[in-house]
Amino acid sequence: DVFMTLAQSGVNYIRLRVWNDPYDENGNGYGGGNNDVAAAVELGKRATRYGMKVCIDFHYSDFWADPKRQHAPKAWEGMSKEEKCDALYEFTKESLTELLDAGVNVGMVQIGNEINNG
């Protein structure tokens, strides 16, 4: 297991990105690891098993988010600002609850990915 190798090499923290829904309407993943909450749970459990803490990096997007592209999740299309705030809160709460209930040692949360405008 790569996490065992990392732990034996002195790594004590890993960062896992989380995309909201990295799949098309047919259930095909967009690629890039298809890092949804379920993937983060499985990877996080493996890291925790070897004594590492986990940083969860919420992209709040269905795929890569960076300074040049910050696309909201497709499920949030057409929502008002208030509805998006509620959806963001619920997604974060539900995701962290799922991770913690699975025994993942979440030590840190990163809000967004490469956001440089506040």
PDB file of N, CA and C in Angstrom:
ATOM      1  N   ASP A   1       0.846  -1.191   0.000  1.00  0.00           N
ATOM      2  CA  ASP A   1       0.000   0.000   0.000  1.00  0.00           C
ATOM      3  C   ASP A   1       0.883   1.243   0.000  1.00  0.00           C
ATOM      4  N   VAL A   2       0.609   2.161  -0.905  1.00  0.00           N
ATOM      5  CA  VAL A   2       1.414   3.377  -1.018  1.00  0.00           C
ATOM      6  C   VAL A   2       1.370   4.188   0.276  1.00  0.00           C
ATOM      7  N   PHE A   3       0.265   4.130   1.007  1.00  0.00           N
ATOM      8  CA  PHE A   3       0.178   4.886   2.252  1.00  0.00           C
ATOM      9  C   PHE A   3       1.113   4.319   3.314  1.00  0.00           C
ATOM     10  N   MET A   4       1.315   3.023   3.310  1.00  0.00           N
ATOM     11  CA  MET A   4       2.284   2.426   4.224  1.00  0.00           C
ATOM     12  C   MET A   4       3.681   2.929   3.883  1.00  0.00           C
ATOM     13  N   THR A   5       4.006   2.949   2.605  1.00  0.00           N
ATOM     14  CA  THR A   5       5.317   3.435   2.167  1.00  0.00           C
ATOM     15  C   THR A   5       5.511   4.892   2.563  1.00  0.00           C
ATOM     16  N   LEU A   6       4.494   5.705   2.353  1.00  0.00           N
ATOM     17  CA  LEU A   6       4.579   7.115   2.734  1.00  0.00           C
ATOM     18  C   LEU A   6       4.796   7.265   4.233  1.00  0.00           C
ATOM     19  N   ALA A   7       4.016   6.537   5.026  1.00  0.00           N
ATOM     20  CA  ALA A   7       4.146   6.626   6.485  1.00  0.00           C
ATOM     21  C   ALA A   7       5.525   6.168   6.942  1.00  0.00           C
ATOM     22  N   GLN A   8       6.016   5.101   6.360  1.00  0.00           N
ATOM     23  CA  GLN A   8       7.343   4.601   6.728  1.00  0.00           C
ATOM     24  C   GLN A   8       8.443   5.578   6.333  1.00  0.00           C
ATOM     25  N   SER A   9       8.138   6.450   5.389  1.00  0.00           N
ATOM     26  CA  SER A   9       9.113   7.452   4.940  1.00  0.00           C
ATOM     27  C   SER A   9       8.981   8.767   5.704  1.00  0.00           C
ATOM     28  N   GLY A  10       8.094   8.811   6.679  1.00  0.00           N
ATOM     29  CA  GLY A  10       7.961   9.993   7.518  1.00  0.00           C
ATOM     30  C   GLY A  10       6.838  10.942   7.154  1.00  0.00           C
ATOM     31  N   VAL A  11       6.055  10.614   6.132  1.00  0.00           N
ATOM     32  CA  VAL A  11       4.929  11.474   5.764  1.00  0.00           C
ATOM     33  C   VAL A  11       3.848  11.328   6.836  1.00  0.00           C
ATOM     34  N   ASN A  12       3.347  12.463   7.330  1.00  0.00           N
ATOM     35  CA  ASN A  12       2.335  12.391   8.386  1.00  0.00           C
ATOM     36  C   ASN A  12       1.022  13.094   8.021  1.00  0.00           C
ATOM     37  N   TYR A  13       0.946  13.650   6.822  1.00  0.00           N
ATOM     38  CA  TYR A  13      -0.258  14.353   6.375  1.00  0.00           C
ATOM     39  C   TYR A  13      -0.422  14.133   4.881  1.00  0.00           C
ATOM     40  N   ILE A  14      -1.656  13.930   4.445  1.00  0.00           N
ATOM     41  CA  ILE A  14      -1.928  13.896   3.010  1.00  0.00           C
ATOM     42  C   ILE A  14      -3.079  14.854   2.711  1.00  0.00           C
ATOM     43  N   ARG A  15      -3.140  15.311   1.484  1.00  0.00           N
ATOM     44  CA  ARG A  15      -4.185  16.228   1.029  1.00  0.00           C
ATOM     45  C   ARG A  15      -5.012  15.502  -0.024  1.00  0.00           C
ATOM     46  N   LEU A  16      -6.313  15.493   0.176  1.00  0.00           N
ATOM     47  CA  LEU A  16      -7.222  14.852  -0.772  1.00  0.00           C
ATOM     48  C   LEU A  16      -8.191  15.879  -1.328  1.00  0.00           C
ATOM     49  N   ARG A  17      -8.215  16.012  -2.645  1.00  0.00           N
ATOM     50  CA  ARG A  17      -9.178  16.922  -3.260  1.00  0.00           C
ATOM     51  C   ARG A  17     -10.539  16.230  -3.309  1.00  0.00           C
ATOM     52  N   VAL A  18     -11.581  17.038  -3.223  1.00  0.00           N
ATOM     53  CA  VAL A  18     -12.945  16.524  -3.304  1.00  0.00           C
ATOM     54  C   VAL A  18     -13.720  17.362  -4.314  1.00  0.00           C
ATOM     55  N   TRP A  19     -14.234  16.671  -5.333  1.00  0.00           N
ATOM     56  CA  TRP A  19     -15.112  17.293  -6.311  1.00  0.00           C
ATOM     57  C   TRP A  19     -16.542  16.888  -5.977  1.00  0.00           C
ATOM     58  N   ASN A  20     -17.486  17.745  -6.274  1.00  0.00           N
ATOM     59  CA  ASN A  20     -18.873  17.458  -5.932  1.00  0.00           C
ATOM     60  C   ASN A  20     -19.423  16.254  -6.683  1.00  0.00           C
ATOM     61  N   ASP A  21     -19.400  16.290  -8.001  1.00  0.00           N
ATOM     62  CA  ASP A  21     -19.993  15.221  -8.813  1.00  0.00           C
ATOM     63  C   ASP A  21     -19.203  15.100 -10.117  1.00  0.00           C
ATOM     64  N   PRO A  22     -18.050  14.427 -10.075  1.00  0.00           N
ATOM     65  CA  PRO A  22     -17.178  14.376 -11.255  1.00  0.00           C
ATOM     66  C   PRO A  22     -17.588  13.332 -12.302  1.00  0.00           C
ATOM     67  N   TYR A  23     -18.890  13.283 -12.608  1.00  0.00           N
ATOM     68  CA  TYR A  23     -19.409  12.295 -13.559  1.00  0.00           C
ATOM     69  C   TYR A  23     -20.395  12.967 -14.513  1.00  0.00           C
ATOM     70  N   ASP A  24     -20.447  12.459 -15.748  1.00  0.00           N
ATOM     71  CA  ASP A  24     -21.416  12.992 -16.701  1.00  0.00           C
ATOM     72  C   ASP A  24     -22.782  12.348 -16.462  1.00  0.00           C
ATOM     73  N   GLU A  25     -23.753  12.701 -17.307  1.00  0.00           N
ATOM     74  CA  GLU A  25     -25.122  12.208 -17.121  1.00  0.00           C
ATOM     75  C   GLU A  25     -25.241  10.693 -17.268  1.00  0.00           C
ATOM     76  N   ASN A  26     -24.239  10.040 -17.862  1.00  0.00           N
ATOM     77  CA  ASN A  26     -24.239   8.581 -18.004  1.00  0.00           C
ATOM     78  C   ASN A  26     -23.429   7.884 -16.924  1.00  0.00           C
ATOM     79  N   GLY A  27     -22.921   8.658 -15.961  1.00  0.00           N
ATOM     80  CA  GLY A  27     -22.145   8.073 -14.876  1.00  0.00           C
ATOM     81  C   GLY A  27     -20.681   7.867 -15.197  1.00  0.00           C
ATOM     82  N   ASN A  28     -20.239   8.370 -16.351  1.00  0.00           N
ATOM     83  CA  ASN A  28     -18.826   8.257 -16.717  1.00  0.00           C
ATOM     84  C   ASN A  28     -18.032   9.356 -16.027  1.00  0.00           C
ATOM     85  N   GLY A  29     -16.913   8.972 -15.419  1.00  0.00           N
ATOM     86  CA  GLY A  29     -16.081   9.951 -14.740  1.00  0.00           C
ATOM     87  C   GLY A  29     -15.377  10.873 -15.715  1.00  0.00           C
ATOM     88  N   TYR A  30     -15.136  12.100 -15.264  1.00  0.00           N
ATOM     89  CA  TYR A  30     -14.427  13.076 -16.090  1.00  0.00           C
ATOM     90  C   TYR A  30     -12.930  12.780 -16.153  1.00  0.00           C
ATOM     91  N   GLY A  31     -12.449  11.903 -15.290  1.00  0.00           N
ATOM     92  CA  GLY A  31     -11.019  11.603 -15.237  1.00  0.00           C
ATOM     93  C   GLY A  31     -10.366  12.337 -14.084  1.00  0.00           C
ATOM     94  N   GLY A  32      -9.066  12.374 -14.099  1.00  0.00           N
ATOM     95  CA  GLY A  32      -8.353  13.095 -13.053  1.00  0.00           C
ATOM     96  C   GLY A  32      -8.486  12.465 -11.687  1.00  0.00           C
ATOM     97  N   GLY A  33      -8.883  11.204 -11.642  1.00  0.00           N
ATOM     98  CA  GLY A  33      -9.023  10.519 -10.372  1.00  0.00           C
ATOM     99  C   GLY A  33     -10.453  10.397  -9.883  1.00  0.00           C
ATOM    100  N   ASN A  34     -11.366  11.154 -10.501  1.00  0.00           N
ATOM    101  CA  ASN A  34     -12.778  11.103 -10.100  1.00  0.00           C
ATOM    102  C   ASN A  34     -12.937  11.203  -8.585  1.00  0.00           C
ATOM    103  N   ASN A  35     -12.305  12.196  -8.011  1.00  0.00           N
ATOM    104  CA  ASN A  35     -12.244  12.329  -6.561  1.00  0.00           C
ATOM    105  C   ASN A  35     -13.520  12.922  -5.975  1.00  0.00           C
ATOM    106  N   ASP A  36     -14.511  12.059  -5.790  1.00  0.00           N
ATOM    107  CA  ASP A  36     -15.717  12.475  -5.095  1.00  0.00           C
ATOM    108  C   ASP A  36     -15.560  12.138  -3.613  1.00  0.00           C
ATOM    109  N   VAL A  37     -16.609  12.335  -2.839  1.00  0.00           N
ATOM    110  CA  VAL A  37     -16.525  12.077  -1.403  1.00  0.00           C
ATOM    111  C   VAL A  37     -16.226  10.603  -1.135  1.00  0.00           C
ATOM    112  N   ALA A  38     -16.842   9.703  -1.886  1.00  0.00           N
ATOM    113  CA  ALA A  38     -16.604   8.269  -1.673  1.00  0.00           C
ATOM    114  C   ALA A  38     -15.131   7.920  -1.867  1.00  0.00           C
ATOM    115  N   ALA A  39     -14.504   8.487  -2.889  1.00  0.00           N
ATOM    116  CA  ALA A  39     -13.072   8.238  -3.112  1.00  0.00           C
ATOM    117  C   ALA A  39     -12.249   8.802  -1.968  1.00  0.00           C
ATOM    118  N   ALA A  40     -12.618   9.989  -1.484  1.00  0.00           N
ATOM    119  CA  ALA A  40     -11.889  10.597  -0.364  1.00  0.00           C
ATOM    120  C   ALA A  40     -12.020   9.752   0.895  1.00  0.00           C
ATOM    121  N   VAL A  41     -13.188   9.166   1.111  1.00  0.00           N
ATOM    122  CA  VAL A  41     -13.380   8.297   2.273  1.00  0.00           C
ATOM    123  C   VAL A  41     -12.441   7.099   2.189  1.00  0.00           C
ATOM    124  N   GLU A  42     -12.410   6.439   1.038  1.00  0.00           N
ATOM    125  CA  GLU A  42     -11.565   5.247   0.899  1.00  0.00           C
ATOM    126  C   GLU A  42     -10.081   5.582   1.037  1.00  0.00           C
ATOM    127  N   LEU A  43      -9.640   6.639   0.374  1.00  0.00           N
ATOM    128  CA  LEU A  43      -8.231   7.031   0.477  1.00  0.00           C
ATOM    129  C   LEU A  43      -7.908   7.523   1.882  1.00  0.00           C
ATOM    130  N   GLY A  44      -8.837   8.274   2.466  1.00  0.00           N
ATOM    131  CA  GLY A  44      -8.627   8.785   3.818  1.00  0.00           C
ATOM    132  C   GLY A  44      -8.535   7.680   4.853  1.00  0.00           C
ATOM    133  N   LYS A  45      -9.340   6.639   4.709  1.00  0.00           N
ATOM    134  CA  LYS A  45      -9.269   5.502   5.632  1.00  0.00           C
ATOM    135  C   LYS A  45      -7.919   4.809   5.534  1.00  0.00           C
ATOM    136  N   ARG A  46      -7.410   4.682   4.327  1.00  0.00           N
ATOM    137  CA  ARG A  46      -6.099   4.045   4.148  1.00  0.00           C
ATOM    138  C   ARG A  46      -5.005   4.883   4.788  1.00  0.00           C
ATOM    139  N   ALA A  47      -5.049   6.191   4.593  1.00  0.00           N
ATOM    140  CA  ALA A  47      -4.046   7.070   5.197  1.00  0.00           C
ATOM    141  C   ALA A  47      -4.141   7.017   6.721  1.00  0.00           C
ATOM    142  N   THR A  48      -5.358   7.060   7.238  1.00  0.00           N
ATOM    143  CA  THR A  48      -5.571   7.017   8.684  1.00  0.00           C
ATOM    144  C   THR A  48      -5.044   5.710   9.269  1.00  0.00           C
ATOM    145  N   ARG A  49      -5.240   4.619   8.555  1.00  0.00           N
ATOM    146  CA  ARG A  49      -4.767   3.310   9.021  1.00  0.00           C
ATOM    147  C   ARG A  49      -3.267   3.336   9.309  1.00  0.00           C
ATOM    148  N   TYR A  50      -2.536   4.166   8.572  1.00  0.00           N
ATOM    149  CA  TYR A  50      -1.086   4.242   8.752  1.00  0.00           C
ATOM    150  C   TYR A  50      -0.659   5.466   9.556  1.00  0.00           C
ATOM    151  N   GLY A  51      -1.599   6.031  10.309  1.00  0.00           N
ATOM    152  CA  GLY A  51      -1.261   7.090  11.251  1.00  0.00           C
ATOM    153  C   GLY A  51      -1.153   8.490  10.686  1.00  0.00           C
ATOM    154  N   MET A  52      -1.594   8.687   9.459  1.00  0.00           N
ATOM    155  CA  MET A  52      -1.517  10.022   8.863  1.00  0.00           C
ATOM    156  C   MET A  52      -2.808  10.803   9.094  1.00  0.00           C
ATOM    157  N   LYS A  53      -2.675  12.117   9.146  1.00  0.00           N
ATOM    158  CA  LYS A  53      -3.832  13.001   9.157  1.00  0.00           C
ATOM    159  C   LYS A  53      -4.159  13.356   7.710  1.00  0.00           C
ATOM    160  N   VAL A  54      -5.386  13.831   7.515  1.00  0.00           N
ATOM    161  CA  VAL A  54      -5.865  14.121   6.170  1.00  0.00           C
ATOM    162  C   VAL A  54      -6.347  15.570   6.086  1.00  0.00           C
ATOM    163  N   CYS A  55      -5.925  16.253   5.032  1.00  0.00           N
ATOM    164  CA  CYS A  55      -6.440  17.578   4.680  1.00  0.00           C
ATOM    165  C   CYS A  55      -7.429  17.377   3.533  1.00  0.00           C
ATOM    166  N   ILE A  56      -8.658  17.789   3.744  1.00  0.00           N
ATOM    167  CA  ILE A  56      -9.675  17.692   2.701  1.00  0.00           C
ATOM    168  C   ILE A  56      -9.725  19.020   1.955  1.00  0.00           C
ATOM    169  N   ASP A  57      -9.509  18.955   0.643  1.00  0.00           N
ATOM    170  CA  ASP A  57      -9.499  20.138  -0.220  1.00  0.00           C
ATOM    171  C   ASP A  57     -10.788  20.164  -1.033  1.00  0.00           C
ATOM    172  N   PHE A  58     -11.752  20.944  -0.566  1.00  0.00           N
ATOM    173  CA  PHE A  58     -13.018  21.083  -1.281  1.00  0.00           C
ATOM    174  C   PHE A  58     -12.838  22.037  -2.454  1.00  0.00           C
ATOM    175  N   HIS A  59     -13.028  21.532  -3.675  1.00  0.00           N
ATOM    176  CA  HIS A  59     -12.951  22.386  -4.861  1.00  0.00           C
ATOM    177  C   HIS A  59     -14.265  23.129  -5.096  1.00  0.00           C
ATOM    178  N   TYR A  60     -15.372  22.608  -4.571  1.00  0.00           N
ATOM    179  CA  TYR A  60     -16.705  23.158  -4.826  1.00  0.00           C
ATOM    180  C   TYR A  60     -16.937  23.314  -6.322  1.00  0.00           C
ATOM    181  N   SER A  61     -16.622  22.242  -7.025  1.00  0.00           N
ATOM    182  CA  SER A  61     -16.762  22.148  -8.469  1.00  0.00           C
ATOM    183  C   SER A  61     -16.864  20.667  -8.805  1.00  0.00           C
ATOM    184  N   ASP A  62     -17.254  20.350 -10.023  1.00  0.00           N
ATOM    185  CA  ASP A  62     -17.322  18.950 -10.442  1.00  0.00           C
ATOM    186  C   ASP A  62     -16.013  18.450 -11.033  1.00  0.00           C
ATOM    187  N   PHE A  63     -15.068  19.353 -11.225  1.00  0.00           N
ATOM    188  CA  PHE A  63     -13.758  18.980 -11.766  1.00  0.00           C
ATOM    189  C   PHE A  63     -12.765  20.029 -11.312  1.00  0.00           C
ATOM    190  N   TRP A  64     -11.615  20.043 -11.911  1.00  0.00           N
ATOM    191  CA  TRP A  64     -10.548  20.934 -11.486  1.00  0.00           C
ATOM    192  C   TRP A  64     -11.022  22.375 -11.337  1.00  0.00           C
ATOM    193  N   ALA A  65     -10.616  22.996 -10.259  1.00  0.00           N
ATOM    194  CA  ALA A  65     -10.838  24.427 -10.042  1.00  0.00           C
ATOM    195  C   ALA A  65      -9.474  25.059  -9.807  1.00  0.00           C
ATOM    196  N   ASP A  66      -9.243  26.185 -10.439  1.00  0.00           N
ATOM    197  CA  ASP A  66      -7.972  26.899 -10.288  1.00  0.00           C
ATOM    198  C   ASP A  66      -8.226  28.364 -10.620  1.00  0.00           C
ATOM    199  N   PRO A  67      -7.205  29.218 -10.550  1.00  0.00           N
ATOM    200  CA  PRO A  67      -7.448  30.648 -10.784  1.00  0.00           C
ATOM    201  C   PRO A  67      -8.094  30.978 -12.131  1.00  0.00           C
ATOM    202  N   LYS A  68      -7.929  30.136 -13.142  1.00  0.00           N
ATOM    203  CA  LYS A  68      -8.502  30.423 -14.459  1.00  0.00           C
ATOM    204  C   LYS A  68      -9.891  29.827 -14.657  1.00  0.00           C
ATOM    205  N   ARG A  69     -10.284  28.912 -13.800  1.00  0.00           N
ATOM    206  CA  ARG A  69     -11.626  28.325 -13.937  1.00  0.00           C
ATOM    207  C   ARG A  69     -12.167  27.951 -12.554  1.00  0.00           C
ATOM    208  N   GLN A  70     -13.270  28.555 -12.237  1.00  0.00           N
ATOM    209  CA  GLN A  70     -13.959  28.295 -10.973  1.00  0.00           C
ATOM    210  C   GLN A  70     -15.431  28.047 -11.296  1.00  0.00           C
ATOM    211  N   HIS A  71     -15.711  26.866 -11.852  1.00  0.00           N
ATOM    212  CA  HIS A  71     -17.077  26.536 -12.249  1.00  0.00           C
ATOM    213  C   HIS A  71     -17.824  25.898 -11.084  1.00  0.00           C
ATOM    214  N   ALA A  72     -18.989  26.430 -10.776  1.00  0.00           N
ATOM    215  CA  ALA A  72     -19.823  25.844  -9.728  1.00  0.00           C
ATOM    216  C   ALA A  72     -20.296  24.462 -10.174  1.00  0.00           C
ATOM    217  N   PRO A  73     -20.616  23.590  -9.229  1.00  0.00           N
ATOM    218  CA  PRO A  73     -21.130  22.261  -9.586  1.00  0.00           C
ATOM    219  C   PRO A  73     -22.404  22.362 -10.432  1.00  0.00           C
ATOM    220  N   LYS A  74     -22.572  21.408 -11.334  1.00  0.00           N
ATOM    221  CA  LYS A  74     -23.747  21.436 -12.219  1.00  0.00           C
ATOM    222  C   LYS A  74     -25.049  21.392 -11.420  1.00  0.00           C
ATOM    223  N   ALA A  75     -25.055  20.747 -10.267  1.00  0.00           N
ATOM    224  CA  ALA A  75     -26.262  20.680  -9.437  1.00  0.00           C
ATOM    225  C   ALA A  75     -26.663  22.046  -8.894  1.00  0.00           C
ATOM    226  N   TRP A  76     -25.742  22.990  -8.909  1.00  0.00           N
ATOM    227  CA  TRP A  76     -26.031  24.320  -8.372  1.00  0.00           C
ATOM    228  C   TRP A  76     -26.453  25.312  -9.456  1.00  0.00           C
ATOM    229  N   GLU A  77     -26.489  24.882 -10.714  1.00  0.00           N
ATOM    230  CA  GLU A  77     -26.882  25.774 -11.810  1.00  0.00           C
ATOM    231  C   GLU A  77     -28.304  26.282 -11.586  1.00  0.00           C
ATOM    232  N   GLY A  78     -28.498  27.566 -11.806  1.00  0.00           N
ATOM    233  CA  GLY A  78     -29.813  28.165 -11.662  1.00  0.00           C
ATOM    234  C   GLY A  78     -30.190  28.527 -10.238  1.00  0.00           C
ATOM    235  N   MET A  79     -29.330  28.234  -9.285  1.00  0.00           N
ATOM    236  CA  MET A  79     -29.624  28.569  -7.892  1.00  0.00           C
ATOM    237  C   MET A  79     -29.322  30.040  -7.620  1.00  0.00           C
ATOM    238  N   SER A  80     -30.077  30.595  -6.702  1.00  0.00           N
ATOM    239  CA  SER A  80     -29.793  31.954  -6.244  1.00  0.00           C
ATOM    240  C   SER A  80     -28.536  31.923  -5.367  1.00  0.00           C
ATOM    241  N   LYS A  81     -28.025  33.088  -5.053  1.00  0.00           N
ATOM    242  CA  LYS A  81     -26.851  33.170  -4.179  1.00  0.00           C
ATOM    243  C   LYS A  81     -27.138  32.497  -2.834  1.00  0.00           C
ATOM    244  N   GLU A  82     -28.302  32.749  -2.277  1.00  0.00           N
ATOM    245  CA  GLU A  82     -28.669  32.162  -0.991  1.00  0.00           C
ATOM    246  C   GLU A  82     -28.765  30.637  -1.090  1.00  0.00           C
ATOM    247  N   GLU A  83     -29.344  30.150  -2.170  1.00  0.00           N
ATOM    248  CA  GLU A  83     -29.454  28.698  -2.363  1.00  0.00           C
ATOM    249  C   GLU A  83     -28.078  28.066  -2.520  1.00  0.00           C
ATOM    250  N   LYS A  84     -27.183  28.746  -3.223  1.00  0.00           N
ATOM    251  CA  LYS A  84     -25.817  28.234  -3.367  1.00  0.00           C
ATOM    252  C   LYS A  84     -25.105  28.205  -2.023  1.00  0.00           C
ATOM    253  N   CYS A  85     -25.322  29.217  -1.209  1.00  0.00           N
ATOM    254  CA  CYS A  85     -24.721  29.228   0.133  1.00  0.00           C
ATOM    255  C   CYS A  85     -25.212  28.035   0.941  1.00  0.00           C
ATOM    256  N   ASP A  86     -26.520  27.766   0.869  1.00  0.00           N
ATOM    257  CA  ASP A  86     -27.082  26.618   1.578  1.00  0.00           C
ATOM    258  C   ASP A  86     -26.526  25.307   1.031  1.00  0.00           C
ATOM    259  N   ALA A  87     -26.418  25.198  -0.292  1.00  0.00           N
ATOM    260  CA  ALA A  87     -25.894  23.977  -0.918  1.00  0.00           C
ATOM    261  C   ALA A  87     -24.438  23.754  -0.530  1.00  0.00           C
ATOM    262  N   LEU A  88     -23.659  24.816  -0.494  1.00  0.00           N
ATOM    263  CA  LEU A  88     -22.254  24.715  -0.097  1.00  0.00           C
ATOM    264  C   LEU A  88     -22.155  24.229   1.345  1.00  0.00           C
ATOM    265  N   TYR A  89     -22.953  24.819   2.223  1.00  0.00           N
ATOM    266  CA  TYR A  89     -22.965  24.417   3.630  1.00  0.00           C
ATOM    267  C   TYR A  89     -23.329  22.943   3.770  1.00  0.00           C
ATOM    268  N   GLU A  90     -24.409  22.531   3.122  1.00  0.00           N
ATOM    269  CA  GLU A  90     -24.868  21.142   3.230  1.00  0.00           C
ATOM    270  C   GLU A  90     -23.847  20.166   2.654  1.00  0.00           C
ATOM    271  N   PHE A  91     -23.268  20.497   1.503  1.00  0.00           N
ATOM    272  CA  PHE A  91     -22.265  19.610   0.906  1.00  0.00           C
ATOM    273  C   PHE A  91     -21.072  19.453   1.845  1.00  0.00           C
ATOM    274  N   THR A  92     -20.622  20.549   2.410  1.00  0.00           N
ATOM    275  CA  THR A  92     -19.478  20.507   3.322  1.00  0.00           C
ATOM    276  C   THR A  92     -19.811  19.691   4.563  1.00  0.00           C
ATOM    277  N   LYS A  93     -20.945  19.980   5.171  1.00  0.00           N
ATOM    278  CA  LYS A  93     -21.355  19.278   6.392  1.00  0.00           C
ATOM    279  C   LYS A  93     -21.526  17.781   6.141  1.00  0.00           C
ATOM    280  N   GLU A  94     -22.244  17.436   5.077  1.00  0.00           N
ATOM    281  CA  GLU A  94     -22.487  16.022   4.774  1.00  0.00           C
ATOM    282  C   GLU A  94     -21.190  15.295   4.439  1.00  0.00           C
ATOM    283  N   SER A  95     -20.313  15.946   3.695  1.00  0.00           N
ATOM    284  CA  SER A  95     -19.041  15.323   3.319  1.00  0.00           C
ATOM    285  C   SER A  95     -18.176  15.065   4.542  1.00  0.00           C
ATOM    286  N   LEU A  96     -18.039  16.077   5.391  1.00  0.00           N
ATOM    287  CA  LEU A  96     -17.212  15.910   6.590  1.00  0.00           C
ATOM    288  C   LEU A  96     -17.817  14.888   7.544  1.00  0.00           C
ATOM    289  N   THR A  97     -19.128  14.874   7.657  1.00  0.00           N
ATOM    290  CA  THR A  97     -19.783  13.873   8.500  1.00  0.00           C
ATOM    291  C   THR A  97     -19.490  12.473   7.986  1.00  0.00           C
ATOM    292  N   GLU A  98     -19.589  12.286   6.676  1.00  0.00           N
ATOM    293  CA  GLU A  98     -19.306  10.969   6.086  1.00  0.00           C
ATOM    294  C   GLU A  98     -17.855  10.554   6.332  1.00  0.00           C
ATOM    295  N   LEU A  99     -16.933  11.472   6.143  1.00  0.00           N
ATOM    296  CA  LEU A  99     -15.514  11.181   6.368  1.00  0.00           C
ATOM    297  C   LEU A  99     -15.249  10.832   7.830  1.00  0.00           C
ATOM    298  N   LEU A 100     -15.753  11.647   8.738  1.00  0.00           N
ATOM    299  CA  LEU A 100     -15.518  11.415  10.163  1.00  0.00           C
ATOM    300  C   LEU A 100     -16.195  10.135  10.642  1.00  0.00           C
ATOM    301  N   ASP A 101     -17.420   9.883  10.185  1.00  0.00           N
ATOM    302  CA  ASP A 101     -18.127   8.655  10.567  1.00  0.00           C
ATOM    303  C   ASP A 101     -17.404   7.410  10.078  1.00  0.00           C
ATOM    304  N   ALA A 102     -16.655   7.538   8.980  1.00  0.00           N
ATOM    305  CA  ALA A 102     -15.890   6.406   8.437  1.00  0.00           C
ATOM    306  C   ALA A 102     -14.556   6.230   9.163  1.00  0.00           C
ATOM    307  N   GLY A 103     -14.256   7.142  10.094  1.00  0.00           N
ATOM    308  CA  GLY A 103     -13.018   7.023  10.855  1.00  0.00           C
ATOM    309  C   GLY A 103     -11.825   7.733  10.253  1.00  0.00           C
ATOM    310  N   VAL A 104     -12.052   8.572   9.243  1.00  0.00           N
ATOM    311  CA  VAL A 104     -10.950   9.307   8.626  1.00  0.00           C
ATOM    312  C   VAL A 104     -10.481  10.391   9.593  1.00  0.00           C
ATOM    313  N   ASN A 105      -9.179  10.475   9.793  1.00  0.00           N
ATOM    314  CA  ASN A 105      -8.586  11.452  10.705  1.00  0.00           C
ATOM    315  C   ASN A 105      -8.415  12.787   9.979  1.00  0.00           C
ATOM    316  N   VAL A 106      -9.521  13.518   9.842  1.00  0.00           N
ATOM    317  CA  VAL A 106      -9.492  14.824   9.172  1.00  0.00           C
ATOM    318  C   VAL A 106      -8.882  15.828  10.144  1.00  0.00           C
ATOM    319  N   GLY A 107      -7.716  16.327   9.787  1.00  0.00           N
ATOM    320  CA  GLY A 107      -7.029  17.284  10.642  1.00  0.00           C
ATOM    321  C   GLY A 107      -7.108  18.700  10.135  1.00  0.00           C
ATOM    322  N   MET A 108      -7.505  18.857   8.870  1.00  0.00           N
ATOM    323  CA  MET A 108      -7.521  20.191   8.269  1.00  0.00           C
ATOM    324  C   MET A 108      -8.472  20.180   7.073  1.00  0.00           C
ATOM    325  N   VAL A 109      -9.056  21.340   6.798  1.00  0.00           N
ATOM    326  CA  VAL A 109      -9.920  21.502   5.633  1.00  0.00           C
ATOM    327  C   VAL A 109      -9.427  22.701   4.840  1.00  0.00           C
ATOM    328  N   GLN A 110      -9.328  22.528   3.536  1.00  0.00           N
ATOM    329  CA  GLN A 110      -8.961  23.613   2.622  1.00  0.00           C
ATOM    330  C   GLN A 110     -10.215  24.000   1.856  1.00  0.00           C
ATOM    331  N   ILE A 111     -10.580  25.269   1.936  1.00  0.00           N
ATOM    332  CA  ILE A 111     -11.781  25.762   1.271  1.00  0.00           C
ATOM    333  C   ILE A 111     -11.400  26.294  -0.102  1.00  0.00           C
ATOM    334  N   GLY A 112     -11.786  25.571  -1.134  1.00  0.00           N
ATOM    335  CA  GLY A 112     -11.443  25.961  -2.495  1.00  0.00           C
ATOM    336  C   GLY A 112     -10.042  25.514  -2.859  1.00  0.00           C
ATOM    337  N   ASN A 113      -9.724  25.634  -4.129  1.00  0.00           N
ATOM    338  CA  ASN A 113      -8.411  25.234  -4.625  1.00  0.00           C
ATOM    339  C   ASN A 113      -7.803  26.389  -5.406  1.00  0.00           C
ATOM    340  N   GLU A 114      -6.648  26.828  -4.980  1.00  0.00           N
ATOM    341  CA  GLU A 114      -5.908  27.885  -5.681  1.00  0.00           C
ATOM    342  C   GLU A 114      -6.764  29.130  -5.898  1.00  0.00           C
ATOM    343  N   ILE A 115      -7.493  29.524  -4.878  1.00  0.00           N
ATOM    344  CA  ILE A 115      -8.309  30.731  -4.977  1.00  0.00           C
ATOM    345  C   ILE A 115      -7.446  31.909  -4.560  1.00  0.00           C
ATOM    346  N   ASN A 116      -7.308  32.876  -5.439  1.00  0.00           N
ATOM    347  CA  ASN A 116      -6.425  33.995  -5.125  1.00  0.00           C
ATOM    348  C   ASN A 116      -7.140  35.344  -5.118  1.00  0.00           C
ATOM    349  N   ASN A 117      -8.466  35.318  -5.076  1.00  0.00           N
ATOM    350  CA  ASN A 117      -9.195  36.591  -5.083  1.00  0.00           C
ATOM    351  C   ASN A 117     -10.051  36.771  -3.836  1.00  0.00           C
ATOM    352  N   GLY A 118      -9.592  36.234  -2.724  1.00  0.00           N
ATOM    353  CA  GLY A 118     -10.304  36.425  -1.463  1.00  0.00           C
ATOM    354  C   GLY A 118     -11.224  35.328  -1.195  1.00  0.00           C
TER     355      GLY A 118
END
